[in-house]
Amino acid sequence: MNFFLDHDVPIEIARILSGSGHDVSTVSQALAVTASDEEVFQAAVDASRILVTCNRDDFLALAKERQHPGLVVLIRRRTRIAEGAALLRLIDRAGPEGLQENINFA
């Protein structure tokens, strides 16, 4: 699957996803550091990538207003390994059909 990671998602999550065979792009690769949440959301939409963020409130509002390729809100945990494991469990459980065009929490 194709993912787009927001500024607030730790780089370790990108490594975990890439290591599991997913195509990962980050905001820092695609946009300026000062990019707004709306610009980040639109970049994910334009690239047809599932957006992964820890910023629940702002992105939930955007996802409810418009069509999108998918949104995953990553819940902060004690370790990056625990966060990555939760995300991989979600991907495994939901599959592409459960993630695409939906809002999920990991």
PDB file of N, CA and C in Angstrom:
ATOM      1  N   MET A   1       0.837  -1.177   0.000  1.00  0.00           N
ATOM      2  CA  MET A   1       0.000   0.000   0.000  1.00  0.00           C
ATOM      3  C   MET A   1       0.883   1.242   0.000  1.00  0.00           C
ATOM      4  N   ASN A   2       0.298   2.353  -0.388  1.00  0.00           N
ATOM      5  CA  ASN A   2       1.018   3.621  -0.466  1.00  0.00           C
ATOM      6  C   ASN A   2       0.598   4.533   0.680  1.00  0.00           C
ATOM      7  N   PHE A   3       1.591   4.959   1.448  1.00  0.00           N
ATOM      8  CA  PHE A   3       1.330   5.794   2.618  1.00  0.00           C
ATOM      9  C   PHE A   3       2.045   7.134   2.501  1.00  0.00           C
ATOM     10  N   PHE A   4       1.449   8.153   3.131  1.00  0.00           N
ATOM     11  CA  PHE A   4       2.030   9.486   3.219  1.00  0.00           C
ATOM     12  C   PHE A   4       2.046   9.845   4.697  1.00  0.00           C
ATOM     13  N   LEU A   5       3.222  10.037   5.267  1.00  0.00           N
ATOM     14  CA  LEU A   5       3.367  10.281   6.693  1.00  0.00           C
ATOM     15  C   LEU A   5       3.485  11.766   6.995  1.00  0.00           C
ATOM     16  N   ASP A   6       2.654  12.208   7.917  1.00  0.00           N
ATOM     17  CA  ASP A   6       2.627  13.592   8.357  1.00  0.00           C
ATOM     18  C   ASP A   6       3.899  13.929   9.137  1.00  0.00           C
ATOM     19  N   HIS A   7       4.121  15.230   9.361  1.00  0.00           N
ATOM     20  CA  HIS A   7       5.289  15.718  10.099  1.00  0.00           C
ATOM     21  C   HIS A   7       5.450  15.043  11.454  1.00  0.00           C
ATOM     22  N   ASP A   8       4.333  14.794  12.131  1.00  0.00           N
ATOM     23  CA  ASP A   8       4.386  14.317  13.509  1.00  0.00           C
ATOM     24  C   ASP A   8       4.542  12.806  13.653  1.00  0.00           C
ATOM     25  N   VAL A   9       4.621  12.093  12.551  1.00  0.00           N
ATOM     26  CA  VAL A   9       4.810  10.642  12.606  1.00  0.00           C
ATOM     27  C   VAL A   9       6.313  10.356  12.633  1.00  0.00           C
ATOM     28  N   PRO A  10       6.762   9.628  13.645  1.00  0.00           N
ATOM     29  CA  PRO A  10       8.198   9.355  13.772  1.00  0.00           C
ATOM     30  C   PRO A  10       8.769   8.619  12.558  1.00  0.00           C
ATOM     31  N   ILE A  11       9.991   8.950  12.196  1.00  0.00           N
ATOM     32  CA  ILE A  11      10.646   8.338  11.034  1.00  0.00           C
ATOM     33  C   ILE A  11      10.766   6.823  11.191  1.00  0.00           C
ATOM     34  N   GLU A  12      10.794   6.339  12.425  1.00  0.00           N
ATOM     35  CA  GLU A  12      10.848   4.884  12.642  1.00  0.00           C
ATOM     36  C   GLU A  12       9.632   4.187  12.049  1.00  0.00           C
ATOM     37  N   ILE A  13       8.515   4.867  12.031  1.00  0.00           N
ATOM     38  CA  ILE A  13       7.299   4.293  11.449  1.00  0.00           C
ATOM     39  C   ILE A  13       7.476   4.130   9.939  1.00  0.00           C
ATOM     40  N   ALA A  14       8.119   5.078   9.301  1.00  0.00           N
ATOM     41  CA  ALA A  14       8.411   4.958   7.864  1.00  0.00           C
ATOM     42  C   ALA A  14       9.278   3.735   7.614  1.00  0.00           C
ATOM     43  N   ARG A  15      10.264   3.534   8.457  1.00  0.00           N
ATOM     44  CA  ARG A  15      11.160   2.372   8.305  1.00  0.00           C
ATOM     45  C   ARG A  15      10.405   1.059   8.499  1.00  0.00           C
ATOM     46  N   ILE A  16       9.525   1.028   9.482  1.00  0.00           N
ATOM     47  CA  ILE A  16       8.735  -0.175   9.745  1.00  0.00           C
ATOM     48  C   ILE A  16       7.829  -0.485   8.562  1.00  0.00           C
ATOM     49  N   LEU A  17       7.150   0.531   8.043  1.00  0.00           N
ATOM     50  CA  LEU A  17       6.265   0.320   6.892  1.00  0.00           C
ATOM     51  C   LEU A  17       7.048  -0.106   5.661  1.00  0.00           C
ATOM     52  N   SER A  18       8.145   0.579   5.387  1.00  0.00           N
ATOM     53  CA  SER A  18       8.983   0.232   4.229  1.00  0.00           C
ATOM     54  C   SER A  18       9.513  -1.190   4.356  1.00  0.00           C
ATOM     55  N   GLY A  19       9.939  -1.536   5.552  1.00  0.00           N
ATOM     56  CA  GLY A  19      10.462  -2.879   5.788  1.00  0.00           C
ATOM     57  C   GLY A  19       9.421  -3.965   5.606  1.00  0.00           C
ATOM     58  N   SER A  20       8.152  -3.590   5.681  1.00  0.00           N
ATOM     59  CA  SER A  20       7.057  -4.536   5.480  1.00  0.00           C
ATOM     60  C   SER A  20       6.542  -4.517   4.044  1.00  0.00           C
ATOM     61  N   GLY A  21       7.269  -3.816   3.176  1.00  0.00           N
ATOM     62  CA  GLY A  21       6.936  -3.834   1.754  1.00  0.00           C
ATOM     63  C   GLY A  21       6.009  -2.737   1.275  1.00  0.00           C
ATOM     64  N   HIS A  22       5.746  -1.761   2.111  1.00  0.00           N
ATOM     65  CA  HIS A  22       4.858  -0.668   1.705  1.00  0.00           C
ATOM     66  C   HIS A  22       5.654   0.486   1.111  1.00  0.00           C
ATOM     67  N   ASP A  23       5.001   1.242   0.254  1.00  0.00           N
ATOM     68  CA  ASP A  23       5.599   2.425  -0.368  1.00  0.00           C
ATOM     69  C   ASP A  23       5.293   3.619   0.535  1.00  0.00           C
ATOM     70  N   VAL A  24       6.335   4.247   1.046  1.00  0.00           N
ATOM     71  CA  VAL A  24       6.159   5.314   2.025  1.00  0.00           C
ATOM     72  C   VAL A  24       6.793   6.602   1.526  1.00  0.00           C
ATOM     73  N   SER A  25       6.033   7.677   1.645  1.00  0.00           N
ATOM     74  CA  SER A  25       6.520   9.022   1.362  1.00  0.00           C
ATOM     75  C   SER A  25       6.222   9.851   2.601  1.00  0.00           C
ATOM     76  N   THR A  26       7.081  10.820   2.872  1.00  0.00           N
ATOM     77  CA  THR A  26       6.871  11.669   4.047  1.00  0.00           C
ATOM     78  C   THR A  26       6.641  13.114   3.624  1.00  0.00           C
ATOM     79  N   VAL A  27       6.017  13.856   4.505  1.00  0.00           N
ATOM     80  CA  VAL A  27       5.780  15.264   4.247  1.00  0.00           C
ATOM     81  C   VAL A  27       7.104  15.972   3.999  1.00  0.00           C
ATOM     82  N   SER A  28       8.122  15.631   4.780  1.00  0.00           N
ATOM     83  CA  SER A  28       9.415  16.312   4.627  1.00  0.00           C
ATOM     84  C   SER A  28      10.036  16.066   3.258  1.00  0.00           C
ATOM     85  N   GLN A  29       9.655  14.993   2.580  1.00  0.00           N
ATOM     86  CA  GLN A  29      10.142  14.728   1.222  1.00  0.00           C
ATOM     87  C   GLN A  29       9.359  15.504   0.167  1.00  0.00           C
ATOM     88  N   ALA A  30       8.114  15.843   0.497  1.00  0.00           N
ATOM     89  CA  ALA A  30       7.223  16.393  -0.524  1.00  0.00           C
ATOM     90  C   ALA A  30       6.863  17.869  -0.348  1.00  0.00           C
ATOM     91  N   LEU A  31       6.899  18.354   0.894  1.00  0.00           N
ATOM     92  CA  LEU A  31       6.417  19.705   1.156  1.00  0.00           C
ATOM     93  C   LEU A  31       7.385  20.462   2.063  1.00  0.00           C
ATOM     94  N   ALA A  32       7.165  21.744   2.150  1.00  0.00           N
ATOM     95  CA  ALA A  32       7.957  22.576   3.063  1.00  0.00           C
ATOM     96  C   ALA A  32       7.610  22.222   4.507  1.00  0.00           C
ATOM     97  N   VAL A  33       8.540  22.456   5.387  1.00  0.00           N
ATOM     98  CA  VAL A  33       8.335  22.180   6.811  1.00  0.00           C
ATOM     99  C   VAL A  33       7.158  22.980   7.355  1.00  0.00           C
ATOM    100  N   THR A  34       6.882  24.100   6.743  1.00  0.00           N
ATOM    101  CA  THR A  34       5.812  24.978   7.201  1.00  0.00           C
ATOM    102  C   THR A  34       4.443  24.656   6.590  1.00  0.00           C
ATOM    103  N   ALA A  35       4.352  23.555   5.853  1.00  0.00           N
ATOM    104  CA  ALA A  35       3.089  23.207   5.188  1.00  0.00           C
ATOM    105  C   ALA A  35       1.964  23.059   6.210  1.00  0.00           C
ATOM    106  N   SER A  36       0.830  23.607   5.858  1.00  0.00           N
ATOM    107  CA  SER A  36      -0.338  23.531   6.736  1.00  0.00           C
ATOM    108  C   SER A  36      -0.953  22.136   6.674  1.00  0.00           C
ATOM    109  N   ASP A  37      -1.824  21.841   7.637  1.00  0.00           N
ATOM    110  CA  ASP A  37      -2.518  20.554   7.639  1.00  0.00           C
ATOM    111  C   ASP A  37      -3.328  20.381   6.360  1.00  0.00           C
ATOM    112  N   GLU A  38      -3.934  21.445   5.911  1.00  0.00           N
ATOM    113  CA  GLU A  38      -4.723  21.374   4.679  1.00  0.00           C
ATOM    114  C   GLU A  38      -3.831  21.035   3.470  1.00  0.00           C
ATOM    115  N   GLU A  39      -2.644  21.628   3.411  1.00  0.00           N
ATOM    116  CA  GLU A  39      -1.707  21.319   2.319  1.00  0.00           C
ATOM    117  C   GLU A  39      -1.237  19.873   2.396  1.00  0.00           C
ATOM    118  N   VAL A  40      -0.989  19.394   3.599  1.00  0.00           N
ATOM    119  CA  VAL A  40      -0.571  18.000   3.791  1.00  0.00           C
ATOM    120  C   VAL A  40      -1.688  17.059   3.341  1.00  0.00           C
ATOM    121  N   PHE A  41      -2.906  17.348   3.769  1.00  0.00           N
ATOM    122  CA  PHE A  41      -4.054  16.528   3.395  1.00  0.00           C
ATOM    123  C   PHE A  41      -4.221  16.498   1.872  1.00  0.00           C
ATOM    124  N   GLN A  42      -4.133  17.665   1.250  1.00  0.00           N
ATOM    125  CA  GLN A  42      -4.304  17.747  -0.199  1.00  0.00           C
ATOM    126  C   GLN A  42      -3.182  17.013  -0.935  1.00  0.00           C
ATOM    127  N   ALA A  43      -1.964  17.079  -0.420  1.00  0.00           N
ATOM    128  CA  ALA A  43      -0.846  16.359  -1.039  1.00  0.00           C
ATOM    129  C   ALA A  43      -1.092  14.852  -1.000  1.00  0.00           C
ATOM    130  N   ALA A  44      -1.639  14.345   0.102  1.00  0.00           N
ATOM    131  CA  ALA A  44      -1.965  12.918   0.195  1.00  0.00           C
ATOM    132  C   ALA A  44      -3.055  12.557  -0.804  1.00  0.00           C
ATOM    133  N   VAL A  45      -4.056  13.416  -0.918  1.00  0.00           N
ATOM    134  CA  VAL A  45      -5.142  13.187  -1.876  1.00  0.00           C
ATOM    135  C   VAL A  45      -4.583  13.186  -3.302  1.00  0.00           C
ATOM    136  N   ASP A  46      -3.789  14.201  -3.638  1.00  0.00           N
ATOM    137  CA  ASP A  46      -3.236  14.314  -4.994  1.00  0.00           C
ATOM    138  C   ASP A  46      -2.356  13.123  -5.355  1.00  0.00           C
ATOM    139  N   ALA A  47      -1.643  12.572  -4.372  1.00  0.00           N
ATOM    140  CA  ALA A  47      -0.745  11.440  -4.620  1.00  0.00           C
ATOM    141  C   ALA A  47      -1.448  10.097  -4.444  1.00  0.00           C
ATOM    142  N   SER A  48      -2.725  10.119  -4.089  1.00  0.00           N
ATOM    143  CA  SER A  48      -3.502   8.894  -3.836  1.00  0.00           C
ATOM    144  C   SER A  48      -2.822   7.994  -2.799  1.00  0.00           C
ATOM    145  N   ARG A  49      -2.394   8.627  -1.701  1.00  0.00           N
ATOM    146  CA  ARG A  49      -1.725   7.898  -0.620  1.00  0.00           C
ATOM    147  C   ARG A  49      -2.554   7.996   0.653  1.00  0.00           C
ATOM    148  N   ILE A  50      -2.539   6.929   1.422  1.00  0.00           N
ATOM    149  CA  ILE A  50      -3.205   6.916   2.719  1.00  0.00           C
ATOM    150  C   ILE A  50      -2.378   7.770   3.674  1.00  0.00           C
ATOM    151  N   LEU A  51      -3.011   8.751   4.274  1.00  0.00           N
ATOM    152  CA  LEU A  51      -2.323   9.663   5.179  1.00  0.00           C
ATOM    153  C   LEU A  51      -2.261   9.059   6.577  1.00  0.00           C
ATOM    154  N   VAL A  52      -1.058   9.049   7.155  1.00  0.00           N
ATOM    155  CA  VAL A  52      -0.861   8.607   8.539  1.00  0.00           C
ATOM    156  C   VAL A  52      -0.430   9.828   9.336  1.00  0.00           C
ATOM    157  N   THR A  53      -1.145  10.090  10.428  1.00  0.00           N
ATOM    158  CA  THR A  53      -0.857  11.259  11.262  1.00  0.00           C
ATOM    159  C   THR A  53      -1.128  10.937  12.723  1.00  0.00           C
ATOM    160  N   CYS A  54      -0.547  11.710  13.597  1.00  0.00           N
ATOM    161  CA  CYS A  54      -0.867  11.642  15.026  1.00  0.00           C
ATOM    162  C   CYS A  54      -1.778  12.805  15.408  1.00  0.00           C
ATOM    163  N   ASN A  55      -2.034  13.688  14.456  1.00  0.00           N
ATOM    164  CA  ASN A  55      -2.821  14.899  14.660  1.00  0.00           C
ATOM    165  C   ASN A  55      -4.298  14.595  14.409  1.00  0.00           C
ATOM    166  N   ARG A  56      -4.920  14.045  15.385  1.00  0.00           N
ATOM    167  CA  ARG A  56      -6.292  13.565  15.255  1.00  0.00           C
ATOM    168  C   ARG A  56      -7.293  14.657  14.901  1.00  0.00           C
ATOM    169  N   ASP A  57      -7.372  15.691  15.692  1.00  0.00           N
ATOM    170  CA  ASP A  57      -8.458  16.668  15.563  1.00  0.00           C
ATOM    171  C   ASP A  57      -8.513  17.356  14.205  1.00  0.00           C
ATOM    172  N   ASP A  58      -7.384  17.901  13.767  1.00  0.00           N
ATOM    173  CA  ASP A  58      -7.386  18.657  12.507  1.00  0.00           C
ATOM    174  C   ASP A  58      -7.669  17.770  11.299  1.00  0.00           C
ATOM    175  N   PHE A  59      -7.069  16.582  11.266  1.00  0.00           N
ATOM    176  CA  PHE A  59      -7.238  15.741  10.090  1.00  0.00           C
ATOM    177  C   PHE A  59      -8.576  15.013  10.064  1.00  0.00           C
ATOM    178  N   LEU A  60      -9.143  14.724  11.225  1.00  0.00           N
ATOM    179  CA  LEU A  60     -10.491  14.136  11.231  1.00  0.00           C
ATOM    180  C   LEU A  60     -11.484  15.104  10.618  1.00  0.00           C
ATOM    181  N   ALA A  61     -11.347  16.370  10.960  1.00  0.00           N
ATOM    182  CA  ALA A  61     -12.243  17.383  10.395  1.00  0.00           C
ATOM    183  C   ALA A  61     -12.088  17.459   8.875  1.00  0.00           C
ATOM    184  N   LEU A  62     -10.859  17.456   8.390  1.00  0.00           N
ATOM    185  CA  LEU A  62     -10.626  17.510   6.942  1.00  0.00           C
ATOM    186  C   LEU A  62     -11.167  16.262   6.244  1.00  0.00           C
ATOM    187  N   ALA A  63     -10.947  15.105   6.844  1.00  0.00           N
ATOM    188  CA  ALA A  63     -11.387  13.844   6.225  1.00  0.00           C
ATOM    189  C   ALA A  63     -12.908  13.729   6.181  1.00  0.00           C
ATOM    190  N   LYS A  64     -13.583  14.355   7.112  1.00  0.00           N
ATOM    191  CA  LYS A  64     -15.044  14.311   7.118  1.00  0.00           C
ATOM    192  C   LYS A  64     -15.635  15.251   6.083  1.00  0.00           C
ATOM    193  N   GLU A  65     -14.868  16.275   5.671  1.00  0.00           N
ATOM    194  CA  GLU A  65     -15.353  17.270   4.713  1.00  0.00           C
ATOM    195  C   GLU A  65     -15.177  16.841   3.264  1.00  0.00           C
ATOM    196  N   ARG A  66     -14.160  16.016   2.984  1.00  0.00           N
ATOM    197  CA  ARG A  66     -13.809  15.717   1.587  1.00  0.00           C
ATOM    198  C   ARG A  66     -13.501  14.245   1.381  1.00  0.00           C
ATOM    199  N   GLN A  67     -13.530  13.857   0.125  1.00  0.00           N
ATOM    200  CA  GLN A  67     -13.095  12.506  -0.226  1.00  0.00           C
ATOM    201  C   GLN A  67     -11.585  12.434  -0.087  1.00  0.00           C
ATOM    202  N   HIS A  68     -11.097  11.257   0.253  1.00  0.00           N
ATOM    203  CA  HIS A  68      -9.661  11.070   0.462  1.00  0.00           C
ATOM    204  C   HIS A  68      -9.315   9.608   0.253  1.00  0.00           C
ATOM    205  N   PRO A  69      -8.047   9.303   0.045  1.00  0.00           N
ATOM    206  CA  PRO A  69      -7.636   7.918  -0.178  1.00  0.00           C
ATOM    207  C   PRO A  69      -7.568   7.092   1.106  1.00  0.00           C
ATOM    208  N   GLY A  70      -7.700   7.716   2.242  1.00  0.00           N
ATOM    209  CA  GLY A  70      -7.666   7.011   3.523  1.00  0.00           C
ATOM    210  C   GLY A  70      -6.901   7.823   4.549  1.00  0.00           C
ATOM    211  N   LEU A  71      -7.300   7.672   5.808  1.00  0.00           N
ATOM    212  CA  LEU A  71      -6.644   8.366   6.917  1.00  0.00           C
ATOM    213  C   LEU A  71      -6.451   7.379   8.049  1.00  0.00           C
ATOM    214  N   VAL A  72      -5.217   7.322   8.563  1.00  0.00           N
ATOM    215  CA  VAL A  72      -4.927   6.523   9.748  1.00  0.00           C
ATOM    216  C   VAL A  72      -4.394   7.464  10.815  1.00  0.00           C
ATOM    217  N   VAL A  73      -5.079   7.498  11.952  1.00  0.00           N
ATOM    218  CA  VAL A  73      -4.613   8.275  13.089  1.00  0.00           C
ATOM    219  C   VAL A  73      -3.803   7.324  13.965  1.00  0.00           C
ATOM    220  N   LEU A  74      -2.526   7.607  14.077  1.00  0.00           N
ATOM    221  CA  LEU A  74      -1.619   6.780  14.863  1.00  0.00           C
ATOM    222  C   LEU A  74      -1.637   7.278  16.303  1.00  0.00           C
ATOM    223  N   ILE A  75      -2.017   6.406  17.204  1.00  0.00           N
ATOM    224  CA  ILE A  75      -2.089   6.743  18.622  1.00  0.00           C
ATOM    225  C   ILE A  75      -0.701   6.584  19.230  1.00  0.00           C
ATOM    226  N   ARG A  76      -0.275   7.599  19.963  1.00  0.00           N
ATOM    227  CA  ARG A  76       1.048   7.568  20.599  1.00  0.00           C
ATOM    228  C   ARG A  76       1.094   6.477  21.660  1.00  0.00           C
ATOM    229  N   ARG A  77       2.207   5.753  21.659  1.00  0.00           N
ATOM    230  CA  ARG A  77       2.422   4.699  22.637  1.00  0.00           C
ATOM    231  C   ARG A  77       3.771   4.893  23.297  1.00  0.00           C
ATOM    232  N   ARG A  78       4.090   4.025  24.206  1.00  0.00           N
ATOM    233  CA  ARG A  78       5.326   4.152  24.960  1.00  0.00           C
ATOM    234  C   ARG A  78       6.569   4.044  24.084  1.00  0.00           C
ATOM    235  N   THR A  79       6.514   3.185  23.065  1.00  0.00           N
ATOM    236  CA  THR A  79       7.680   3.010  22.190  1.00  0.00           C
ATOM    237  C   THR A  79       7.263   3.087  20.727  1.00  0.00           C
ATOM    238  N   ARG A  80       8.237   3.378  19.881  1.00  0.00           N
ATOM    239  CA  ARG A  80       7.985   3.400  18.434  1.00  0.00           C
ATOM    240  C   ARG A  80       7.673   1.990  17.932  1.00  0.00           C
ATOM    241  N   ILE A  81       8.276   0.998  18.555  1.00  0.00           N
ATOM    242  CA  ILE A  81       8.004  -0.392  18.162  1.00  0.00           C
ATOM    243  C   ILE A  81       6.530  -0.720  18.413  1.00  0.00           C
ATOM    244  N   ALA A  82       6.000  -0.286  19.543  1.00  0.00           N
ATOM    245  CA  ALA A  82       4.589  -0.525  19.849  1.00  0.00           C
ATOM    246  C   ALA A  82       3.685   0.213  18.858  1.00  0.00           C
ATOM    247  N   GLU A  83       4.068   1.439  18.494  1.00  0.00           N
ATOM    248  CA  GLU A  83       3.286   2.190  17.504  1.00  0.00           C
ATOM    249  C   GLU A  83       3.308   1.481  16.153  1.00  0.00           C
ATOM    250  N   GLY A  84       4.498   1.052  15.742  1.00  0.00           N
ATOM    251  CA  GLY A  84       4.624   0.347  14.466  1.00  0.00           C
ATOM    252  C   GLY A  84       3.853  -0.959  14.457  1.00  0.00           C
ATOM    253  N   ALA A  85       3.910  -1.685  15.558  1.00  0.00           N
ATOM    254  CA  ALA A  85       3.188  -2.960  15.646  1.00  0.00           C
ATOM    255  C   ALA A  85       1.680  -2.738  15.544  1.00  0.00           C
ATOM    256  N   ALA A  86       1.188  -1.704  16.201  1.00  0.00           N
ATOM    257  CA  ALA A  86      -0.246  -1.395  16.131  1.00  0.00           C
ATOM    258  C   ALA A  86      -0.654  -1.044  14.703  1.00  0.00           C
ATOM    259  N   LEU A  87       0.181  -0.286  14.021  1.00  0.00           N
ATOM    260  CA  LEU A  87      -0.115   0.093  12.635  1.00  0.00           C
ATOM    261  C   LEU A  87      -0.099  -1.132  11.722  1.00  0.00           C
ATOM    262  N   LEU A  88       0.887  -2.000  11.881  1.00  0.00           N
ATOM    263  CA  LEU A  88       0.953  -3.212  11.057  1.00  0.00           C
ATOM    264  C   LEU A  88      -0.230  -4.148  11.337  1.00  0.00           C
ATOM    265  N   ARG A  89      -0.655  -4.228  12.590  1.00  0.00           N
ATOM    266  CA  ARG A  89      -1.842  -5.039  12.917  1.00  0.00           C
ATOM    267  C   ARG A  89      -3.076  -4.487  12.216  1.00  0.00           C
ATOM    268  N   LEU A  90      -3.222  -3.163  12.222  1.00  0.00           N
ATOM    269  CA  LEU A  90      -4.352  -2.538  11.541  1.00  0.00           C
ATOM    270  C   LEU A  90      -4.312  -2.861  10.048  1.00  0.00           C
ATOM    271  N   ILE A  91      -3.156  -2.693   9.435  1.00  0.00           N
ATOM    272  CA  ILE A  91      -3.018  -2.961   7.999  1.00  0.00           C
ATOM    273  C   ILE A  91      -3.371  -4.407   7.693  1.00  0.00           C
ATOM    274  N   ASP A  92      -2.875  -5.314   8.519  1.00  0.00           N
ATOM    275  CA  ASP A  92      -3.131  -6.741   8.318  1.00  0.00           C
ATOM    276  C   ASP A  92      -4.614  -7.058   8.496  1.00  0.00           C
ATOM    277  N   ARG A  93      -5.213  -6.494   9.526  1.00  0.00           N
ATOM    278  CA  ARG A  93      -6.610  -6.763   9.851  1.00  0.00           C
ATOM    279  C   ARG A  93      -7.561  -6.129   8.832  1.00  0.00           C
ATOM    280  N   ALA A  94      -7.302  -4.874   8.474  1.00  0.00           N
ATOM    281  CA  ALA A  94      -8.227  -4.135   7.607  1.00  0.00           C
ATOM    282  C   ALA A  94      -7.979  -4.397   6.126  1.00  0.00           C
ATOM    283  N   GLY A  95      -6.714  -4.590   5.756  1.00  0.00           N
ATOM    284  CA  GLY A  95      -6.383  -4.751   4.345  1.00  0.00           C
ATOM    285  C   GLY A  95      -6.652  -3.480   3.564  1.00  0.00           C
ATOM    286  N   PRO A  96      -6.336  -3.491   2.281  1.00  0.00           N
ATOM    287  CA  PRO A  96      -6.539  -2.294   1.458  1.00  0.00           C
ATOM    288  C   PRO A  96      -7.993  -1.807   1.451  1.00  0.00           C
ATOM    289  N   GLU A  97      -8.931  -2.741   1.420  1.00  0.00           N
ATOM    290  CA  GLU A  97     -10.337  -2.353   1.356  1.00  0.00           C
ATOM    291  C   GLU A  97     -10.781  -1.634   2.624  1.00  0.00           C
ATOM    292  N   GLY A  98     -10.223  -1.989   3.754  1.00  0.00           N
ATOM    293  CA  GLY A  98     -10.601  -1.375   5.008  1.00  0.00           C
ATOM    294  C   GLY A  98      -9.931  -0.041   5.261  1.00  0.00           C
ATOM    295  N   LEU A  99      -8.805   0.192   4.586  1.00  0.00           N
ATOM    296  CA  LEU A  99      -8.072   1.446   4.780  1.00  0.00           C
ATOM    297  C   LEU A  99      -8.447   2.502   3.754  1.00  0.00           C
ATOM    298  N   GLN A 100      -8.655   2.086   2.524  1.00  0.00           N
ATOM    299  CA  GLN A 100      -8.899   3.042   1.464  1.00  0.00           C
ATOM    300  C   GLN A 100     -10.226   3.745   1.652  1.00  0.00           C
ATOM    301  N   GLU A 101     -10.149   5.076   1.601  1.00  0.00           N
ATOM    302  CA  GLU A 101     -11.305   5.965   1.704  1.00  0.00           C
ATOM    303  C   GLU A 101     -12.014   5.883   3.055  1.00  0.00           C
ATOM    304  N   ASN A 102     -11.313   5.359   4.059  1.00  0.00           N
ATOM    305  CA  ASN A 102     -11.881   5.252   5.401  1.00  0.00           C
ATOM    306  C   ASN A 102     -10.995   5.955   6.405  1.00  0.00           C
ATOM    307  N   ILE A 103     -11.521   6.149   7.601  1.00  0.00           N
ATOM    308  CA  ILE A 103     -10.772   6.686   8.720  1.00  0.00           C
ATOM    309  C   ILE A 103     -10.542   5.561   9.710  1.00  0.00           C
ATOM    310  N   ASN A 104      -9.285   5.328  10.071  1.00  0.00           N
ATOM    311  CA  ASN A 104      -8.925   4.256  10.997  1.00  0.00           C
ATOM    312  C   ASN A 104      -8.020   4.793  12.087  1.00  0.00           C
ATOM    313  N   PHE A 105      -7.958   4.053  13.178  1.00  0.00           N
ATOM    314  CA  PHE A 105      -7.063   4.392  14.292  1.00  0.00           C
ATOM    315  C   PHE A 105      -6.159   3.203  14.554  1.00  0.00           C
ATOM    316  N   ALA A 106      -4.878   3.486  14.784  1.00  0.00           N
ATOM    317  CA  ALA A 106      -3.930   2.408  15.088  1.00  0.00           C
ATOM    318  C   ALA A 106      -3.182   2.754  16.363  1.00  0.00           C
TER     319      ALA A 106
END
